[in-house]
N, C-alpha and C. Protein backbone atom coordinates (compact mmCIF):
# COMPACT_ATOMS: atom_id res chain seq x y z
N MET A 1 -2.70 -37.66 44.96
CA MET A 1 -2.66 -37.10 46.31
C MET A 1 -2.97 -35.59 46.17
N LYS A 2 -2.54 -34.89 45.19
CA LYS A 2 -2.84 -33.49 45.08
C LYS A 2 -4.48 -33.42 44.80
N ASN A 3 -5.03 -34.10 44.00
CA ASN A 3 -6.47 -34.07 43.66
C ASN A 3 -7.42 -34.39 44.92
N ALA A 4 -6.87 -35.36 45.86
CA ALA A 4 -7.54 -35.70 47.00
C ALA A 4 -7.62 -34.41 47.89
N PHE A 5 -6.65 -33.77 47.99
CA PHE A 5 -6.58 -32.53 49.01
C PHE A 5 -7.54 -31.45 48.45
N PHE A 6 -7.53 -31.19 47.20
CA PHE A 6 -8.45 -30.24 46.72
C PHE A 6 -9.99 -30.66 46.70
N ILE A 7 -10.13 -31.93 46.45
CA ILE A 7 -11.59 -32.37 46.68
C ILE A 7 -12.10 -32.37 47.94
N PHE A 8 -11.20 -32.76 49.04
CA PHE A 8 -11.47 -32.77 50.35
C PHE A 8 -11.74 -31.04 50.77
N PHE A 9 -10.91 -30.20 50.26
CA PHE A 9 -11.27 -28.73 50.54
C PHE A 9 -12.43 -28.32 49.97
N ILE A 10 -12.74 -28.62 48.74
CA ILE A 10 -14.07 -28.11 48.13
C ILE A 10 -15.28 -28.69 48.83
N THR A 11 -15.09 -29.91 49.18
CA THR A 11 -16.38 -30.53 49.87
C THR A 11 -16.45 -29.77 51.38
N MET A 12 -15.42 -29.59 52.05
CA MET A 12 -15.52 -28.79 53.34
C MET A 12 -16.03 -27.46 53.06
N VAL A 13 -15.58 -26.72 52.11
CA VAL A 13 -16.01 -25.26 51.86
C VAL A 13 -17.61 -25.34 51.58
N LEU A 14 -17.94 -26.23 50.79
CA LEU A 14 -19.34 -26.36 50.41
C LEU A 14 -20.18 -26.64 51.66
N SER A 15 -19.74 -27.75 52.26
CA SER A 15 -20.65 -27.86 53.50
C SER A 15 -20.53 -26.83 54.63
N THR A 16 -19.54 -26.19 54.68
CA THR A 16 -19.48 -25.15 55.83
C THR A 16 -20.46 -24.03 55.38
N ASN A 17 -20.51 -23.81 54.11
CA ASN A 17 -21.42 -22.72 53.69
C ASN A 17 -22.93 -23.17 54.05
N VAL A 18 -23.17 -24.49 53.92
CA VAL A 18 -24.66 -24.98 54.25
C VAL A 18 -24.79 -24.80 55.71
N PHE A 19 -23.86 -25.29 56.59
CA PHE A 19 -24.09 -25.17 57.92
C PHE A 19 -24.20 -23.72 58.46
N ALA A 20 -23.48 -22.78 57.68
CA ALA A 20 -23.51 -21.41 58.08
C ALA A 20 -25.02 -20.83 57.99
N LYS A 21 -25.69 -21.20 56.99
CA LYS A 21 -27.03 -20.84 56.78
C LYS A 21 -28.04 -21.39 57.84
N GLU A 22 -27.78 -22.60 58.30
CA GLU A 22 -28.75 -23.31 59.21
C GLU A 22 -28.37 -23.14 60.70
N ASN A 23 -27.22 -22.71 60.93
CA ASN A 23 -26.82 -22.58 62.47
C ASN A 23 -26.42 -21.20 62.76
N SER A 24 -27.09 -20.59 63.72
CA SER A 24 -26.91 -19.16 64.14
C SER A 24 -25.56 -18.91 64.65
N PHE A 25 -24.65 -19.95 64.99
CA PHE A 25 -23.34 -19.77 65.40
C PHE A 25 -22.60 -18.96 64.44
N PHE A 26 -22.65 -19.10 63.22
CA PHE A 26 -22.00 -18.41 62.28
C PHE A 26 -22.71 -16.99 61.83
N GLU A 27 -22.01 -15.91 61.69
CA GLU A 27 -22.65 -14.64 61.21
C GLU A 27 -22.65 -14.77 59.63
N ASP A 28 -23.25 -13.59 59.11
CA ASP A 28 -23.41 -13.42 57.72
C ASP A 28 -22.13 -13.33 56.80
N ASP A 29 -21.07 -12.71 57.39
CA ASP A 29 -19.77 -12.25 56.75
C ASP A 29 -18.90 -13.42 56.62
N SER A 30 -18.37 -13.57 55.18
CA SER A 30 -17.47 -14.70 55.01
C SER A 30 -16.51 -14.07 54.20
N SER A 31 -15.33 -14.77 53.92
CA SER A 31 -14.32 -14.26 52.74
C SER A 31 -13.67 -15.57 52.17
N ILE A 32 -13.32 -15.30 51.06
CA ILE A 32 -12.29 -16.12 50.40
C ILE A 32 -10.92 -15.60 50.14
N GLU A 33 -9.87 -16.21 50.29
CA GLU A 33 -8.54 -15.61 50.13
C GLU A 33 -7.72 -16.62 49.48
N LEU A 34 -7.03 -15.96 48.53
CA LEU A 34 -6.19 -16.41 47.54
C LEU A 34 -4.90 -16.36 48.03
N LYS A 35 -3.86 -17.38 48.22
CA LYS A 35 -2.46 -17.18 48.65
C LYS A 35 -1.46 -17.68 47.54
N PHE A 36 -0.48 -16.79 47.41
CA PHE A 36 0.47 -16.85 46.40
C PHE A 36 2.01 -17.01 46.92
N GLY A 37 2.86 -17.47 46.14
CA GLY A 37 4.24 -17.42 46.38
C GLY A 37 4.69 -18.30 47.46
N GLY A 38 5.34 -17.60 48.58
CA GLY A 38 5.98 -18.32 49.63
C GLY A 38 7.38 -18.20 49.56
N TRP A 39 8.06 -17.47 50.37
CA TRP A 39 9.38 -17.29 50.46
C TRP A 39 9.97 -17.60 51.81
N SER A 40 11.20 -18.29 52.01
CA SER A 40 11.60 -18.34 53.37
C SER A 40 12.99 -17.99 53.53
N LYS A 41 13.45 -17.99 54.79
CA LYS A 41 14.75 -17.85 55.16
C LYS A 41 15.10 -18.97 56.27
N HIS A 42 16.01 -19.84 56.10
CA HIS A 42 16.35 -20.89 56.63
C HIS A 42 17.77 -20.61 57.48
N ASP A 43 17.76 -20.81 58.74
CA ASP A 43 19.03 -20.91 59.50
C ASP A 43 19.59 -22.31 59.72
N SER A 44 20.16 -22.86 58.54
CA SER A 44 20.43 -24.16 58.45
C SER A 44 21.99 -24.59 58.64
N ASP A 45 22.73 -23.47 58.94
CA ASP A 45 24.19 -23.98 59.08
C ASP A 45 24.49 -24.88 60.28
N LYS A 46 23.62 -24.71 61.25
CA LYS A 46 23.90 -25.54 62.44
C LYS A 46 23.88 -27.00 62.24
N LEU A 47 22.99 -27.44 61.32
CA LEU A 47 22.84 -28.82 60.96
C LEU A 47 23.55 -29.33 59.80
N GLY A 48 24.23 -28.31 59.13
CA GLY A 48 24.78 -28.66 57.90
C GLY A 48 24.13 -28.86 56.59
N TYR A 49 22.85 -28.24 56.59
CA TYR A 49 21.94 -28.29 55.41
C TYR A 49 22.47 -27.63 54.42
N MET A 50 23.21 -26.60 54.44
CA MET A 50 23.96 -25.74 53.42
C MET A 50 24.90 -26.67 52.54
N ASP A 51 25.33 -27.83 53.06
CA ASP A 51 26.13 -28.72 52.15
C ASP A 51 25.20 -28.95 50.93
N VAL A 52 23.99 -29.05 51.08
CA VAL A 52 23.04 -29.30 49.87
C VAL A 52 22.05 -27.99 49.78
N PRO A 53 21.96 -27.17 48.92
CA PRO A 53 21.22 -25.84 48.94
C PRO A 53 19.81 -26.14 49.19
N LEU A 54 19.06 -25.31 50.00
CA LEU A 54 17.70 -25.33 50.27
C LEU A 54 16.90 -24.38 49.26
N ASN A 55 15.73 -24.84 49.05
CA ASN A 55 14.78 -23.89 48.09
C ASN A 55 14.14 -22.97 49.10
N GLU A 56 14.17 -21.63 48.72
CA GLU A 56 13.66 -20.55 49.53
C GLU A 56 12.60 -19.84 48.70
N ASN A 57 12.23 -20.24 47.51
CA ASN A 57 11.36 -19.68 46.72
C ASN A 57 10.32 -20.86 46.38
N HIS A 58 9.12 -20.89 47.13
CA HIS A 58 8.29 -22.05 47.29
C HIS A 58 7.23 -22.05 45.97
N ARG A 59 7.03 -21.04 45.32
CA ARG A 59 6.02 -21.14 44.34
C ARG A 59 4.69 -21.81 44.57
N GLY A 60 4.10 -21.23 45.56
CA GLY A 60 2.97 -21.88 46.05
C GLY A 60 1.66 -21.12 45.63
N PHE A 61 0.57 -21.97 45.95
CA PHE A 61 -0.65 -21.38 45.57
C PHE A 61 -1.73 -22.10 46.77
N GLY A 62 -2.73 -21.30 47.20
CA GLY A 62 -3.60 -21.86 48.19
C GLY A 62 -4.96 -21.10 48.23
N VAL A 63 -6.00 -21.66 48.76
CA VAL A 63 -7.14 -21.04 48.95
C VAL A 63 -7.65 -21.24 50.39
N GLU A 64 -8.15 -20.20 51.04
CA GLU A 64 -8.66 -20.26 52.31
C GLU A 64 -10.22 -19.61 52.35
N TYR A 65 -11.05 -20.38 53.08
CA TYR A 65 -12.34 -19.73 53.39
C TYR A 65 -12.58 -19.61 54.72
N TYR A 66 -12.95 -18.41 55.01
CA TYR A 66 -13.32 -17.97 56.51
C TYR A 66 -14.88 -17.46 56.64
N GLN A 67 -15.40 -17.83 57.81
CA GLN A 67 -16.76 -17.49 58.18
C GLN A 67 -16.60 -16.80 59.63
N SER A 68 -17.19 -15.60 59.64
CA SER A 68 -17.21 -14.77 60.91
C SER A 68 -18.10 -15.55 61.91
N ILE A 69 -17.55 -15.53 63.14
CA ILE A 69 -18.47 -16.21 64.32
C ILE A 69 -18.69 -15.00 65.48
N SER A 70 -18.34 -13.86 65.05
CA SER A 70 -18.86 -12.82 65.96
C SER A 70 -19.53 -11.71 65.27
N LYS A 71 -20.33 -10.95 65.90
CA LYS A 71 -21.11 -9.81 65.36
C LYS A 71 -20.09 -8.57 64.90
N ASN A 72 -19.04 -8.56 65.65
CA ASN A 72 -17.99 -7.51 65.21
C ASN A 72 -16.99 -7.99 64.35
N ASN A 73 -16.92 -9.11 63.72
CA ASN A 73 -16.06 -9.74 62.84
C ASN A 73 -14.67 -9.75 63.34
N LYS A 74 -14.52 -9.98 64.58
CA LYS A 74 -13.16 -10.10 65.01
C LYS A 74 -12.65 -11.52 65.27
N HIS A 75 -13.67 -12.48 65.35
CA HIS A 75 -13.42 -13.94 65.33
C HIS A 75 -13.97 -14.59 64.21
N TRP A 76 -13.02 -15.44 63.60
CA TRP A 76 -13.28 -16.10 62.22
C TRP A 76 -12.89 -17.60 62.50
N LEU A 77 -13.59 -18.55 61.87
CA LEU A 77 -13.23 -20.08 61.73
C LEU A 77 -13.04 -20.21 60.04
N GLY A 78 -12.07 -20.79 59.81
CA GLY A 78 -11.82 -21.22 58.34
C GLY A 78 -11.22 -22.61 58.09
N LEU A 79 -11.12 -22.93 56.76
CA LEU A 79 -10.67 -24.11 56.11
C LEU A 79 -9.71 -23.52 55.03
N GLY A 80 -8.54 -24.40 54.75
CA GLY A 80 -7.57 -23.86 53.74
C GLY A 80 -6.78 -25.08 53.35
N THR A 81 -6.40 -24.79 51.92
CA THR A 81 -5.51 -25.73 51.42
C THR A 81 -4.29 -24.93 50.87
N TRP A 82 -3.24 -25.56 50.73
CA TRP A 82 -1.91 -24.96 50.41
C TRP A 82 -1.04 -25.87 49.59
N TYR A 83 -0.45 -25.57 48.39
CA TYR A 83 0.51 -26.39 47.83
C TYR A 83 1.57 -25.54 47.41
N MET A 84 2.86 -26.16 47.76
CA MET A 84 4.08 -25.38 47.31
C MET A 84 5.35 -26.32 47.18
N LYS A 85 6.29 -25.78 46.58
CA LYS A 85 7.71 -26.68 46.59
C LYS A 85 8.15 -26.35 47.99
N ASP A 86 8.57 -27.44 48.64
CA ASP A 86 9.03 -27.25 49.96
C ASP A 86 10.48 -27.01 50.01
N SER A 87 11.11 -26.91 51.14
CA SER A 87 12.36 -26.53 51.36
C SER A 87 13.53 -27.47 50.53
N PHE A 88 13.03 -28.81 50.37
CA PHE A 88 13.93 -29.69 49.61
C PHE A 88 13.42 -29.75 48.01
N ASP A 89 12.63 -28.85 47.60
CA ASP A 89 12.13 -28.62 46.15
C ASP A 89 11.09 -29.74 45.85
N GLY A 90 10.58 -30.45 46.93
CA GLY A 90 9.40 -31.41 46.53
C GLY A 90 8.21 -30.98 46.76
N ASP A 91 7.23 -31.67 46.31
CA ASP A 91 5.87 -31.21 46.40
C ASP A 91 5.32 -31.24 48.02
N SER A 92 4.61 -30.09 48.37
CA SER A 92 4.09 -30.19 49.66
C SER A 92 2.65 -29.68 49.57
N PHE A 93 1.85 -30.41 50.34
CA PHE A 93 0.50 -30.26 50.33
C PHE A 93 0.03 -30.08 51.83
N GLN A 94 -0.90 -29.11 52.05
CA GLN A 94 -1.24 -28.95 53.34
C GLN A 94 -2.85 -28.59 53.43
N VAL A 95 -3.53 -29.17 54.31
CA VAL A 95 -5.05 -29.08 54.41
C VAL A 95 -5.10 -28.61 56.07
N SER A 96 -5.94 -27.44 56.32
CA SER A 96 -6.03 -27.34 57.69
C SER A 96 -7.26 -26.44 58.08
N VAL A 97 -7.52 -26.39 59.25
CA VAL A 97 -8.75 -25.61 59.73
C VAL A 97 -8.10 -24.44 60.52
N ALA A 98 -8.70 -23.47 60.75
CA ALA A 98 -8.14 -22.30 61.18
C ALA A 98 -9.08 -21.41 62.11
N TYR A 99 -8.28 -20.58 63.08
CA TYR A 99 -8.94 -19.58 63.87
C TYR A 99 -8.22 -18.37 63.71
N LYS A 100 -8.81 -17.14 63.45
CA LYS A 100 -8.21 -15.94 63.44
C LYS A 100 -8.85 -14.86 64.18
N TYR A 101 -8.09 -14.05 64.79
CA TYR A 101 -8.57 -12.99 65.64
C TYR A 101 -8.13 -11.64 64.86
N THR A 102 -9.12 -10.73 64.51
CA THR A 102 -8.77 -9.53 63.72
C THR A 102 -8.83 -8.36 64.65
N ILE A 103 -7.74 -7.49 64.42
CA ILE A 103 -7.73 -6.37 65.17
C ILE A 103 -7.73 -5.10 64.02
N PRO A 104 -8.82 -4.42 63.94
CA PRO A 104 -8.89 -3.27 63.00
C PRO A 104 -7.86 -2.16 63.23
N ILE A 105 -7.23 -1.63 62.18
CA ILE A 105 -6.31 -0.47 62.19
C ILE A 105 -6.79 0.71 61.53
N ASN A 106 -7.37 0.44 60.13
CA ASN A 106 -8.16 1.51 59.53
C ASN A 106 -7.16 2.60 58.91
N TYR A 107 -6.09 2.40 58.62
CA TYR A 107 -5.23 3.32 57.90
C TYR A 107 -4.65 2.64 56.58
N ILE A 108 -3.45 2.61 56.26
CA ILE A 108 -2.99 1.89 54.98
C ILE A 108 -3.18 0.40 55.28
N ILE A 109 -2.84 0.05 56.48
CA ILE A 109 -2.94 -1.32 57.06
C ILE A 109 -4.38 -1.37 57.56
N ASP A 110 -5.39 -2.12 56.94
CA ASP A 110 -6.76 -2.17 57.32
C ASP A 110 -6.86 -2.93 58.58
N SER A 111 -6.09 -4.07 58.86
CA SER A 111 -6.27 -4.87 59.93
C SER A 111 -4.96 -5.73 60.17
N VAL A 112 -4.93 -6.28 61.40
CA VAL A 112 -3.92 -7.17 61.67
C VAL A 112 -4.58 -8.34 62.21
N GLU A 113 -4.34 -9.68 61.79
CA GLU A 113 -4.92 -10.99 62.11
C GLU A 113 -3.92 -11.82 62.76
N PHE A 114 -4.32 -12.50 63.85
CA PHE A 114 -3.42 -13.43 64.48
C PHE A 114 -4.30 -14.83 64.18
N ASN A 115 -3.48 -15.72 63.50
CA ASN A 115 -4.03 -17.01 62.95
C ASN A 115 -3.43 -18.15 63.81
N VAL A 116 -4.21 -19.23 63.91
CA VAL A 116 -3.67 -20.48 64.31
C VAL A 116 -4.24 -21.59 63.59
N ASN A 117 -3.50 -22.29 62.83
CA ASN A 117 -3.86 -23.33 61.87
C ASN A 117 -3.54 -24.59 62.40
N ALA A 118 -4.42 -25.58 62.25
CA ALA A 118 -4.18 -27.02 62.68
C ALA A 118 -4.52 -28.02 61.45
N GLY A 119 -3.78 -28.87 61.16
CA GLY A 119 -4.07 -29.74 59.95
C GLY A 119 -3.08 -30.69 59.86
N ILE A 120 -3.10 -30.96 58.54
CA ILE A 120 -1.94 -32.12 57.89
C ILE A 120 -1.07 -31.52 56.90
N ILE A 121 0.16 -32.08 56.88
CA ILE A 121 0.97 -31.62 55.77
C ILE A 121 1.79 -32.95 55.22
N ASN A 122 1.80 -32.91 54.04
CA ASN A 122 2.54 -34.02 53.28
C ASN A 122 3.76 -33.44 52.60
N ARG A 123 4.96 -33.60 52.75
CA ARG A 123 6.13 -33.04 52.16
C ARG A 123 7.23 -33.99 52.43
N THR A 124 8.42 -33.39 51.71
CA THR A 124 9.66 -34.08 51.74
C THR A 124 10.40 -33.82 53.13
N TYR A 125 11.04 -34.69 53.60
CA TYR A 125 12.07 -34.47 54.73
C TYR A 125 13.41 -35.16 54.38
N ARG A 126 14.40 -34.63 54.89
CA ARG A 126 15.79 -34.97 54.56
C ARG A 126 16.65 -35.41 55.84
N GLU A 127 17.24 -36.67 55.75
CA GLU A 127 18.16 -37.01 56.79
C GLU A 127 19.66 -36.94 56.34
N MET A 128 20.42 -36.19 56.94
CA MET A 128 21.72 -35.97 56.44
C MET A 128 22.78 -36.94 57.09
N PHE A 129 23.77 -37.26 56.48
CA PHE A 129 24.87 -38.27 56.89
C PHE A 129 26.38 -37.57 56.79
N TYR A 130 27.07 -37.83 58.06
CA TYR A 130 28.37 -37.21 58.02
C TYR A 130 29.18 -38.30 58.65
N ASN A 131 30.59 -38.16 58.34
CA ASN A 131 31.72 -38.95 59.07
C ASN A 131 32.26 -37.77 59.93
N ASN A 132 32.56 -38.21 61.16
CA ASN A 132 33.09 -37.23 62.10
C ASN A 132 34.52 -37.69 62.42
N TYR A 133 35.53 -36.77 62.11
CA TYR A 133 37.08 -37.21 62.50
C TYR A 133 37.52 -36.18 63.49
N GLY A 134 37.34 -36.51 64.61
CA GLY A 134 37.96 -35.63 65.76
C GLY A 134 36.99 -34.35 65.64
N GLY A 135 37.50 -33.23 65.44
CA GLY A 135 36.88 -31.97 65.26
C GLY A 135 36.39 -31.64 63.77
N TYR A 136 36.62 -32.55 62.82
CA TYR A 136 36.34 -32.32 61.54
C TYR A 136 35.12 -33.13 61.11
N ARG A 137 34.16 -32.61 60.30
CA ARG A 137 33.00 -33.25 59.90
C ARG A 137 32.88 -33.24 58.32
N GLU A 138 32.79 -34.58 57.88
CA GLU A 138 32.70 -34.59 56.44
C GLU A 138 31.32 -35.09 55.89
N PHE A 139 30.78 -34.25 54.96
CA PHE A 139 29.40 -34.61 54.46
C PHE A 139 29.46 -35.73 53.51
N ILE A 140 28.64 -36.72 53.87
CA ILE A 140 28.68 -37.97 52.98
C ILE A 140 27.39 -37.77 51.95
N GLY A 141 26.15 -37.53 52.49
CA GLY A 141 25.21 -37.46 51.57
C GLY A 141 23.94 -37.43 52.37
N TYR A 142 22.61 -37.76 51.90
CA TYR A 142 21.59 -37.57 52.42
C TYR A 142 20.50 -38.65 51.99
N ASP A 143 19.43 -38.79 52.66
CA ASP A 143 18.45 -39.69 52.21
C ASP A 143 16.97 -38.68 52.28
N GLU A 144 16.18 -38.72 51.17
CA GLU A 144 15.00 -37.77 51.31
C GLU A 144 13.68 -38.89 51.38
N TYR A 145 12.69 -38.47 52.05
CA TYR A 145 11.49 -39.45 52.30
C TYR A 145 10.51 -38.39 52.33
N ARG A 146 9.23 -39.01 52.02
CA ARG A 146 7.93 -38.14 52.21
C ARG A 146 7.21 -38.67 53.52
N ALA A 147 6.51 -37.71 54.19
CA ALA A 147 5.84 -38.23 55.29
C ALA A 147 4.64 -37.31 55.27
N THR A 148 3.68 -37.58 56.02
CA THR A 148 2.48 -36.90 56.38
C THR A 148 2.34 -36.72 57.84
N LYS A 149 2.36 -35.45 58.35
CA LYS A 149 2.35 -35.17 59.65
C LYS A 149 1.28 -34.19 60.17
N ALA A 150 0.87 -34.16 61.31
CA ALA A 150 -0.14 -33.21 61.89
C ALA A 150 0.73 -31.95 62.21
N ILE A 151 0.17 -30.83 62.20
CA ILE A 151 0.86 -29.55 62.28
C ILE A 151 -0.02 -28.54 63.10
N VAL A 152 0.53 -27.71 63.83
CA VAL A 152 0.00 -26.51 64.33
C VAL A 152 0.78 -25.29 63.89
N SER A 153 0.28 -24.21 63.24
CA SER A 153 0.96 -23.33 62.82
C SER A 153 0.34 -21.98 63.04
N PRO A 154 1.31 -21.08 63.86
CA PRO A 154 0.94 -19.74 64.02
C PRO A 154 1.17 -18.84 62.83
N MET A 155 0.44 -17.91 62.54
CA MET A 155 0.66 -16.98 61.33
C MET A 155 0.05 -15.44 61.73
N VAL A 156 0.80 -14.51 61.32
CA VAL A 156 0.14 -13.18 61.34
C VAL A 156 -0.04 -12.65 59.99
N THR A 157 -1.21 -12.02 59.82
CA THR A 157 -1.62 -11.38 58.53
C THR A 157 -1.68 -9.96 58.50
N LEU A 158 -1.28 -9.15 57.70
CA LEU A 158 -1.44 -7.76 57.59
C LEU A 158 -2.35 -7.62 56.35
N ASN A 159 -3.32 -6.94 56.54
CA ASN A 159 -4.33 -6.71 55.27
C ASN A 159 -4.16 -5.17 55.01
N PHE A 160 -3.91 -5.10 53.71
CA PHE A 160 -3.74 -3.71 53.14
C PHE A 160 -4.73 -3.36 52.03
N LEU A 161 -5.24 -2.17 51.97
CA LEU A 161 -6.03 -1.63 50.95
C LEU A 161 -7.18 -2.48 50.49
N ASP A 162 -7.88 -2.90 51.47
CA ASP A 162 -9.01 -3.84 51.21
C ASP A 162 -8.80 -5.22 50.93
N HIS A 163 -7.96 -5.54 49.91
CA HIS A 163 -7.89 -6.86 49.41
C HIS A 163 -6.41 -7.48 49.37
N LEU A 164 -5.31 -6.66 49.67
CA LEU A 164 -4.01 -7.35 49.67
C LEU A 164 -3.59 -7.69 51.10
N GLN A 165 -2.86 -8.84 51.12
CA GLN A 165 -2.37 -9.52 52.46
C GLN A 165 -0.95 -9.94 52.36
N LEU A 166 -0.32 -9.84 53.54
CA LEU A 166 0.98 -10.39 53.57
C LEU A 166 0.87 -11.24 55.05
N ASP A 167 1.25 -12.55 54.83
CA ASP A 167 1.23 -13.41 55.87
C ASP A 167 2.58 -13.94 56.25
N PHE A 168 2.99 -13.94 57.52
CA PHE A 168 4.34 -14.45 57.83
C PHE A 168 4.38 -15.18 59.20
N THR A 169 5.32 -15.99 59.35
CA THR A 169 5.45 -16.86 60.37
C THR A 169 6.80 -17.08 60.76
N TYR A 170 7.16 -17.37 61.98
CA TYR A 170 8.60 -17.68 62.51
C TYR A 170 8.41 -18.95 63.33
N PHE A 171 9.53 -19.86 63.09
CA PHE A 171 9.52 -21.05 63.95
C PHE A 171 11.03 -21.01 64.48
N PRO A 172 11.10 -21.00 65.95
CA PRO A 172 12.55 -21.21 66.31
C PRO A 172 12.82 -22.85 66.06
N ASP A 173 14.34 -23.13 66.12
CA ASP A 173 14.58 -24.35 65.43
C ASP A 173 13.92 -25.57 66.25
N LYS A 174 13.54 -25.49 67.53
CA LYS A 174 12.98 -26.60 68.22
C LYS A 174 11.57 -26.85 68.10
N LEU A 175 10.80 -25.78 67.36
CA LEU A 175 9.48 -25.92 67.07
C LEU A 175 9.11 -26.09 65.65
N ALA A 176 10.17 -26.22 64.83
CA ALA A 176 10.06 -26.15 63.42
C ALA A 176 10.07 -27.59 62.78
N GLU A 177 10.15 -28.70 63.62
CA GLU A 177 10.37 -30.11 63.04
C GLU A 177 9.57 -30.41 61.83
N HIS A 178 8.16 -30.21 62.03
CA HIS A 178 7.31 -30.78 61.12
C HIS A 178 7.37 -29.92 59.78
N PHE A 179 8.06 -28.79 59.65
CA PHE A 179 8.29 -27.97 58.58
C PHE A 179 9.71 -28.31 57.82
N THR A 180 10.66 -28.25 58.78
CA THR A 180 12.00 -28.17 58.28
C THR A 180 12.97 -29.22 58.85
N GLY A 181 12.77 -29.93 59.94
CA GLY A 181 13.73 -30.82 60.43
C GLY A 181 14.58 -30.20 61.40
N ASN A 182 14.14 -29.29 62.28
CA ASN A 182 14.82 -28.79 63.42
C ASN A 182 15.83 -27.57 63.10
N TYR A 183 15.42 -26.86 62.14
CA TYR A 183 16.28 -25.56 61.86
C TYR A 183 15.41 -24.43 61.82
N GLU A 184 15.85 -23.38 62.32
CA GLU A 184 15.00 -21.98 62.34
C GLU A 184 14.55 -21.64 61.16
N LEU A 185 13.13 -21.08 61.04
CA LEU A 185 12.54 -20.90 59.77
C LEU A 185 11.65 -19.46 59.83
N PHE A 186 11.89 -18.57 58.84
CA PHE A 186 11.01 -17.53 58.58
C PHE A 186 10.48 -17.60 57.39
N PHE A 187 9.03 -17.49 57.21
CA PHE A 187 8.39 -17.68 56.02
C PHE A 187 7.39 -16.68 55.83
N PHE A 188 7.04 -16.12 54.67
CA PHE A 188 6.05 -15.30 54.27
C PHE A 188 5.56 -15.43 52.86
N ARG A 189 4.32 -14.98 52.75
CA ARG A 189 3.70 -15.33 51.53
C ARG A 189 2.69 -14.11 51.22
N VAL A 190 2.12 -13.89 50.05
CA VAL A 190 1.12 -12.63 49.75
C VAL A 190 -0.15 -13.28 49.52
N GLY A 191 -1.14 -12.37 49.65
CA GLY A 191 -2.60 -12.90 49.43
C GLY A 191 -3.59 -11.94 48.86
N TYR A 192 -4.56 -12.47 48.38
CA TYR A 192 -5.60 -11.39 47.77
C TYR A 192 -6.94 -11.86 48.41
N LYS A 193 -7.67 -10.96 49.01
CA LYS A 193 -8.93 -11.34 49.55
C LYS A 193 -10.08 -10.98 48.55
N ILE A 194 -10.68 -11.89 48.27
CA ILE A 194 -11.93 -11.69 47.40
C ILE A 194 -13.18 -11.10 47.97
């Protein structure tokens, strides 16, 4: 499965580069971004996930390719793939297409980017089981399963000193189902723009 995601990504990047040369829709500027790490904070007490600790250090790696679609380099289209250990310490694979809008700042922060990614994610999910005795709840256990789901993910990127990046996203509990199973999530990772 892991190899299939990377083969798909490389094929898409290579074909996008060919289309960029043939079609005037794309501008000359492009970028490759390497993504690392991935750290999260979960608000999981509401559903009792703290009965079994969650992984918040995701040890991820990803690659994203972006092609400018505007003369002022404010609008970009991209492809990306991302691997990490998910919140339940299982392997997580994501492949997505992306749109980003760039606002230049030109100080220590070079620019702020607003991203929307759409794609698929294959990861671990967990169903928790409890006995309820009046007002008392006793944790029994959980079942884990893998699933592939469609996702839409907003993200904000801060670009520093020409090459460094910080990506972050936040999902309220009702919007985080495809990542977390309905609990609030704050996630960030670092990047390097080649």
